[in-house]
N, C-alpha and C. Protein backbone atom coordinates (compact mmCIF):
# COMPACT_ATOMS: atom_id res chain seq x y z
N MET A 1 70.41 84.98 71.48
CA MET A 1 69.42 84.43 72.27
C MET A 1 68.22 83.77 71.31
N ARG A 2 68.33 84.23 70.18
CA ARG A 2 67.24 83.48 69.21
C ARG A 2 67.64 82.20 68.88
N ASP A 3 66.63 81.39 68.88
CA ASP A 3 66.81 79.96 68.63
C ASP A 3 66.39 79.96 67.04
N ASP A 4 67.23 79.64 65.97
CA ASP A 4 66.89 79.35 64.82
C ASP A 4 66.19 78.27 64.22
N ARG A 5 66.29 77.28 65.17
CA ARG A 5 65.56 76.04 64.91
C ARG A 5 64.25 76.23 65.14
N PHE A 6 63.48 77.27 65.98
CA PHE A 6 62.21 77.46 66.17
C PHE A 6 61.86 78.48 64.84
N CYS A 7 62.87 79.43 64.77
CA CYS A 7 62.26 80.30 63.66
C CYS A 7 62.18 79.68 62.07
N ASN A 8 63.05 78.74 62.16
CA ASN A 8 62.94 78.12 60.80
C ASN A 8 62.05 76.75 60.54
N SER A 9 61.36 76.51 61.71
CA SER A 9 60.61 75.35 61.63
C SER A 9 59.37 75.07 60.64
N ASN A 10 59.04 73.91 60.36
CA ASN A 10 57.70 73.73 59.45
C ASN A 10 56.72 73.97 60.37
N CYS A 11 56.60 74.15 61.52
CA CYS A 11 55.49 74.23 62.11
C CYS A 11 55.01 75.82 62.61
N LEU A 12 53.84 76.00 61.80
CA LEU A 12 53.43 77.59 62.10
C LEU A 12 53.66 77.97 63.70
N PHE A 13 52.98 77.39 64.45
CA PHE A 13 53.00 77.74 65.68
C PHE A 13 54.55 77.81 66.49
N THR A 14 55.13 76.60 66.12
CA THR A 14 57.02 76.67 66.59
C THR A 14 57.49 77.96 66.07
N ARG A 15 57.21 78.43 64.88
CA ARG A 15 57.66 79.63 64.09
C ARG A 15 57.31 80.88 64.83
N ALA A 16 55.86 81.00 65.26
CA ALA A 16 55.48 82.09 65.74
C ALA A 16 56.15 82.16 67.36
N ILE A 17 56.26 81.19 68.03
CA ILE A 17 56.97 81.26 69.33
C ILE A 17 58.27 81.75 68.96
N GLY A 18 59.21 81.23 68.16
CA GLY A 18 60.47 81.63 67.59
C GLY A 18 60.63 83.10 67.60
N THR A 19 59.51 83.74 66.90
CA THR A 19 59.52 85.39 66.74
C THR A 19 58.85 86.02 68.17
N ILE A 20 58.22 85.40 68.82
CA ILE A 20 57.81 85.85 70.22
C ILE A 20 59.08 86.08 70.87
N GLY A 21 59.57 84.63 71.13
CA GLY A 21 60.63 84.53 71.75
C GLY A 21 60.54 84.08 73.35
N ASN A 22 61.44 84.95 74.19
CA ASN A 22 61.65 84.36 75.46
C ASN A 22 60.40 85.35 76.35
N LYS A 23 60.82 85.49 77.64
CA LYS A 23 59.82 86.21 78.43
C LYS A 23 60.13 87.52 78.22
N TRP A 24 61.11 88.12 77.82
CA TRP A 24 61.41 89.46 77.73
C TRP A 24 60.40 90.29 76.56
N LYS A 25 60.49 89.58 75.52
CA LYS A 25 59.67 90.32 74.01
C LYS A 25 58.56 90.47 74.52
N PRO A 26 57.59 89.70 74.74
CA PRO A 26 56.12 89.95 75.21
C PRO A 26 55.96 91.25 76.35
N ILE A 27 56.91 91.31 77.21
CA ILE A 27 56.90 92.13 78.32
C ILE A 27 57.00 93.65 77.74
N ILE A 28 58.08 93.61 76.85
CA ILE A 28 58.49 94.90 76.22
C ILE A 28 57.61 95.55 75.28
N ILE A 29 57.00 94.43 74.18
CA ILE A 29 55.91 94.74 73.55
C ILE A 29 54.80 95.48 74.39
N ASN A 30 54.36 94.71 75.53
CA ASN A 30 53.47 95.19 76.39
C ASN A 30 53.78 96.71 77.00
N VAL A 31 55.08 96.94 77.25
CA VAL A 31 55.31 98.21 78.09
C VAL A 31 55.19 99.17 76.97
N ILE A 32 55.78 99.14 75.89
CA ILE A 32 55.91 100.02 74.72
C ILE A 32 54.28 100.52 74.18
N ALA A 33 53.59 99.37 73.99
CA ALA A 33 52.21 99.36 73.43
C ALA A 33 51.86 100.23 72.22
N ASN A 34 51.25 101.41 72.60
CA ASN A 34 50.68 102.41 71.67
C ASN A 34 51.60 103.69 71.77
N ARG A 35 52.91 103.68 72.46
CA ARG A 35 53.34 104.81 72.53
C ARG A 35 54.77 104.61 71.94
N THR A 36 55.67 105.86 71.88
CA THR A 36 57.15 105.81 71.53
C THR A 36 57.87 106.03 72.68
N MET A 37 59.04 105.10 72.80
CA MET A 37 59.68 105.43 74.22
C MET A 37 61.10 105.16 73.71
N ARG A 38 61.73 105.83 74.65
CA ARG A 38 63.43 105.81 74.57
C ARG A 38 64.05 104.80 75.32
N PHE A 39 65.12 104.39 75.07
CA PHE A 39 66.04 103.23 75.80
C PHE A 39 66.00 103.22 77.23
N GLY A 40 66.03 104.53 77.78
CA GLY A 40 66.50 104.83 79.16
C GLY A 40 64.78 104.53 79.72
N GLN A 41 63.87 104.99 79.01
CA GLN A 41 62.53 104.78 79.70
C GLN A 41 62.06 103.30 79.89
N LEU A 42 62.51 102.48 78.69
CA LEU A 42 62.33 100.99 78.81
C LEU A 42 63.02 100.36 79.81
N ASP A 43 64.30 100.74 80.03
CA ASP A 43 65.37 100.27 81.19
C ASP A 43 64.57 100.53 82.58
N ALA A 44 64.09 101.66 82.66
CA ALA A 44 63.46 102.09 84.05
C ALA A 44 62.24 101.38 84.20
N ILE A 45 61.52 100.99 83.43
CA ILE A 45 59.89 100.23 83.62
C ILE A 45 59.92 98.70 83.38
N VAL A 46 60.75 98.10 82.40
CA VAL A 46 61.05 96.57 82.48
C VAL A 46 61.61 95.97 83.46
N PRO A 47 60.94 95.30 84.29
CA PRO A 47 61.40 94.62 85.59
C PRO A 47 62.69 93.76 85.19
N HIS A 48 63.59 93.75 86.35
CA HIS A 48 64.74 92.62 86.32
C HIS A 48 65.49 92.41 84.83
N ILE A 49 65.45 93.21 84.04
CA ILE A 49 66.50 92.80 82.90
C ILE A 49 67.53 93.91 82.82
N SER A 50 68.53 93.39 82.41
CA SER A 50 69.99 94.13 82.34
C SER A 50 69.79 94.86 80.87
N ARG A 51 70.65 95.82 80.82
CA ARG A 51 70.79 96.66 79.71
C ARG A 51 71.14 96.16 78.71
N LYS A 52 72.11 94.85 78.69
CA LYS A 52 72.52 94.18 77.58
C LYS A 52 71.30 93.40 77.07
N VAL A 53 70.72 92.62 77.95
CA VAL A 53 69.69 91.93 77.30
C VAL A 53 68.60 92.92 76.93
N LEU A 54 68.35 94.05 77.08
CA LEU A 54 67.41 94.87 76.85
C LEU A 54 67.67 95.30 75.28
N THR A 55 69.01 95.47 75.48
CA THR A 55 69.57 95.98 73.87
C THR A 55 69.33 94.74 73.02
N GLU A 56 69.87 93.53 73.24
CA GLU A 56 69.68 92.14 72.45
C GLU A 56 68.12 92.27 71.90
N GLN A 57 67.24 92.19 73.07
CA GLN A 57 65.93 92.00 72.86
C GLN A 57 65.20 93.22 71.52
N LEU A 58 65.68 94.07 71.93
CA LEU A 58 65.20 95.25 71.03
C LEU A 58 65.75 95.00 69.67
N LYS A 59 66.90 94.79 69.45
CA LYS A 59 67.66 94.53 68.19
C LYS A 59 66.67 93.22 67.57
N GLU A 60 66.36 92.32 68.34
CA GLU A 60 65.72 91.19 67.67
C GLU A 60 64.39 91.64 67.50
N LEU A 61 63.67 92.37 68.07
CA LEU A 61 62.18 92.67 67.89
C LEU A 61 62.23 93.43 66.53
N GLU A 62 63.28 94.30 66.37
CA GLU A 62 63.38 95.24 65.17
C GLU A 62 63.55 94.15 63.91
N GLN A 63 64.63 93.24 64.19
CA GLN A 63 64.81 92.28 63.05
C GLN A 63 63.54 91.46 62.64
N ASP A 64 62.74 91.25 63.69
CA ASP A 64 61.54 90.31 63.39
C ASP A 64 60.48 91.14 62.93
N GLY A 65 60.69 92.83 62.82
CA GLY A 65 59.65 93.38 62.21
C GLY A 65 58.34 93.75 63.27
N LEU A 66 58.76 93.51 64.55
CA LEU A 66 57.64 93.65 65.59
C LEU A 66 58.05 95.30 66.15
N LEU A 67 59.01 95.69 65.98
CA LEU A 67 59.51 97.16 66.48
C LEU A 67 60.03 98.05 65.36
N GLU A 68 59.85 99.33 65.41
CA GLU A 68 60.71 100.29 64.62
C GLU A 68 61.71 101.09 65.56
N ARG A 69 63.12 101.36 64.96
CA ARG A 69 63.92 101.85 65.79
C ARG A 69 63.80 103.25 64.90
N LEU A 70 63.72 104.53 65.72
CA LEU A 70 63.70 105.68 65.09
C LEU A 70 64.93 106.37 65.58
N ALA A 71 66.06 106.70 64.74
CA ALA A 71 67.33 107.32 65.38
C ALA A 71 67.29 108.72 64.72
N TYR A 72 67.53 109.61 65.50
CA TYR A 72 67.62 111.19 65.16
C TYR A 72 69.04 111.54 65.33
N LYS A 73 69.24 112.60 64.21
CA LYS A 73 70.40 112.96 63.99
C LYS A 73 70.72 114.51 64.70
N GLU A 74 70.74 114.10 66.17
CA GLU A 74 70.73 115.06 67.09
C GLU A 74 72.07 114.82 68.02
N LEU A 75 72.32 115.95 68.47
CA LEU A 75 73.52 115.97 69.51
C LEU A 75 72.88 116.23 70.94
N PRO A 76 72.97 115.50 71.91
CA PRO A 76 73.19 113.97 71.98
C PRO A 76 72.15 113.21 71.08
N PRO A 77 72.96 112.32 70.42
CA PRO A 77 72.21 111.26 69.79
C PRO A 77 70.61 110.62 70.42
N ARG A 78 69.59 110.75 69.89
CA ARG A 78 68.48 110.40 70.51
C ARG A 78 67.84 109.12 69.60
N VAL A 79 67.49 108.11 70.18
CA VAL A 79 66.90 106.99 69.54
C VAL A 79 65.68 106.56 70.44
N GLU A 80 64.51 106.30 69.38
CA GLU A 80 63.23 106.17 70.29
C GLU A 80 62.53 104.66 69.64
N TYR A 81 61.80 103.94 70.07
CA TYR A 81 61.02 102.70 69.75
C TYR A 81 59.87 102.65 69.91
N LYS A 82 59.09 102.29 68.65
CA LYS A 82 57.67 102.13 68.88
C LYS A 82 57.27 100.82 68.15
N LEU A 83 56.08 100.32 68.21
CA LEU A 83 55.78 98.97 67.76
C LEU A 83 55.40 99.32 66.11
N SER A 84 55.66 98.20 65.53
CA SER A 84 55.42 98.44 64.14
C SER A 84 54.10 97.81 63.78
N GLU A 85 53.26 97.85 62.64
CA GLU A 85 52.15 97.38 62.54
C GLU A 85 51.86 95.85 62.91
N LYS A 86 53.01 95.11 62.82
CA LYS A 86 52.95 93.56 63.20
C LYS A 86 53.25 93.62 64.69
N GLY A 87 53.79 94.38 65.23
CA GLY A 87 53.72 94.54 66.79
C GLY A 87 52.47 95.02 67.22
N LEU A 88 51.62 96.16 66.85
CA LEU A 88 50.51 96.35 67.19
C LEU A 88 49.52 95.41 67.12
N ALA A 89 49.85 94.57 66.13
CA ALA A 89 48.70 93.32 65.91
C ALA A 89 48.66 92.34 67.10
N PHE A 90 50.01 92.36 67.68
CA PHE A 90 50.27 91.33 68.64
C PHE A 90 49.56 91.72 70.07
N LEU A 91 49.25 93.28 70.33
CA LEU A 91 48.73 93.57 71.48
C LEU A 91 47.46 93.04 72.01
N PRO A 92 46.39 92.67 70.92
CA PRO A 92 45.23 92.09 71.32
C PRO A 92 45.42 90.41 72.18
N ILE A 93 46.55 90.04 71.45
CA ILE A 93 46.93 88.42 71.88
C ILE A 93 47.42 88.83 73.44
N LEU A 94 48.23 89.77 73.75
CA LEU A 94 48.47 89.94 75.00
C LEU A 94 47.68 90.33 76.04
N GLU A 95 46.53 90.91 75.42
CA GLU A 95 45.25 91.34 76.20
C GLU A 95 44.69 89.85 76.77
N HIS A 96 44.69 89.10 75.57
CA HIS A 96 43.81 87.77 75.96
C HIS A 96 44.70 87.02 77.07
N ILE A 97 46.08 86.85 76.89
CA ILE A 97 46.88 86.34 77.89
C ILE A 97 46.73 86.83 79.00
N LYS A 98 46.53 88.16 79.31
CA LYS A 98 46.44 88.88 80.72
C LYS A 98 44.78 88.48 81.32
N GLU A 99 44.00 88.27 80.26
CA GLU A 99 42.51 87.70 80.58
C GLU A 99 42.50 86.38 81.26
N TRP A 100 43.46 85.76 80.67
CA TRP A 100 43.45 84.35 81.06
C TRP A 100 43.95 84.14 82.28
N ASN A 101 45.26 84.83 82.39
CA ASN A 101 45.79 84.87 83.78
C ASN A 101 44.88 85.12 84.81
N ILE A 102 44.24 86.16 84.76
CA ILE A 102 43.51 86.99 85.71
C ILE A 102 42.20 85.71 86.07
N LYS A 103 41.93 85.03 85.02
CA LYS A 103 40.93 84.13 85.44
C LYS A 103 41.46 82.66 86.17
N TYR A 104 42.44 82.14 85.67
CA TYR A 104 43.14 81.28 86.26
C TYR A 104 44.42 81.19 87.22
N GLU A 105 44.89 82.26 87.84
CA GLU A 105 46.06 82.64 88.51
C GLU A 105 45.62 82.12 89.84
N VAL A 106 46.49 81.28 90.40
CA VAL A 106 46.39 80.75 91.58
C VAL A 106 47.17 81.48 92.78
N ALA A 107 48.28 81.92 92.38
CA ALA A 107 49.25 82.52 93.48
C ALA A 107 48.75 83.88 93.39
N THR A 108 48.43 84.90 94.52
CA THR A 108 48.61 86.04 94.79
C THR A 108 49.50 87.06 94.84
N ILE A 109 49.75 88.22 94.09
CA ILE A 109 50.65 88.93 94.30
C ILE A 109 50.67 89.90 95.44
N SER A 110 51.76 90.40 96.24
CA SER A 110 51.46 91.18 97.11
C SER A 110 51.52 92.55 96.58
N LYS A 111 50.75 93.58 97.22
CA LYS A 111 50.78 94.94 96.75
C LYS A 111 52.10 95.46 96.64
N GLU A 112 53.08 94.93 97.53
CA GLU A 112 54.36 95.66 97.66
C GLU A 112 55.23 94.91 96.44
N SER A 113 54.82 94.88 95.24
CA SER A 113 55.84 93.86 94.43
C SER A 113 57.08 94.83 94.16
N ASP A 114 58.03 93.87 93.72
CA ASP A 114 59.42 94.36 93.37
C ASP A 114 59.38 94.79 91.77
N TYR A 115 58.40 94.65 91.25
CA TYR A 115 58.26 95.07 89.90
C TYR A 115 58.25 96.39 89.64
N LYS A 116 58.74 97.02 88.59
CA LYS A 116 58.67 98.35 88.13
C LYS A 116 57.41 98.78 87.43
N TYR A 117 56.87 97.49 86.63
CA TYR A 117 55.74 97.63 85.77
C TYR A 117 54.86 96.75 86.24
N ALA A 118 53.39 96.92 86.42
CA ALA A 118 52.50 96.05 86.83
C ALA A 118 51.85 95.64 85.52
N GLY A 119 51.88 96.24 84.23
CA GLY A 119 51.26 95.86 83.16
C GLY A 119 49.60 95.50 83.12
């Protein structure tokens, strides 16, 4: 899903957008925030994402240094995800985006939304 043309651009903003990626990465970063989460928890909370796409996005976030994958040598195997320093530094940017949306949002959302996570 990664577009290397964005990630390798001469433009700083274009490279940043290449790292942030599509709609899923900011949502995943926002959901994890300051906690450690397992794959099943993320799958239950992130709205409308397939397990395949979630797996791909988690791998890319790890490759981009935004996420840390913690694998425990246990039976059954356990894997947890948490934001890296770089990922945590992105949280205030997400807060600004949310504030911007609150200020300028035109459409209203019904109280009985089909989203699992209201963020």
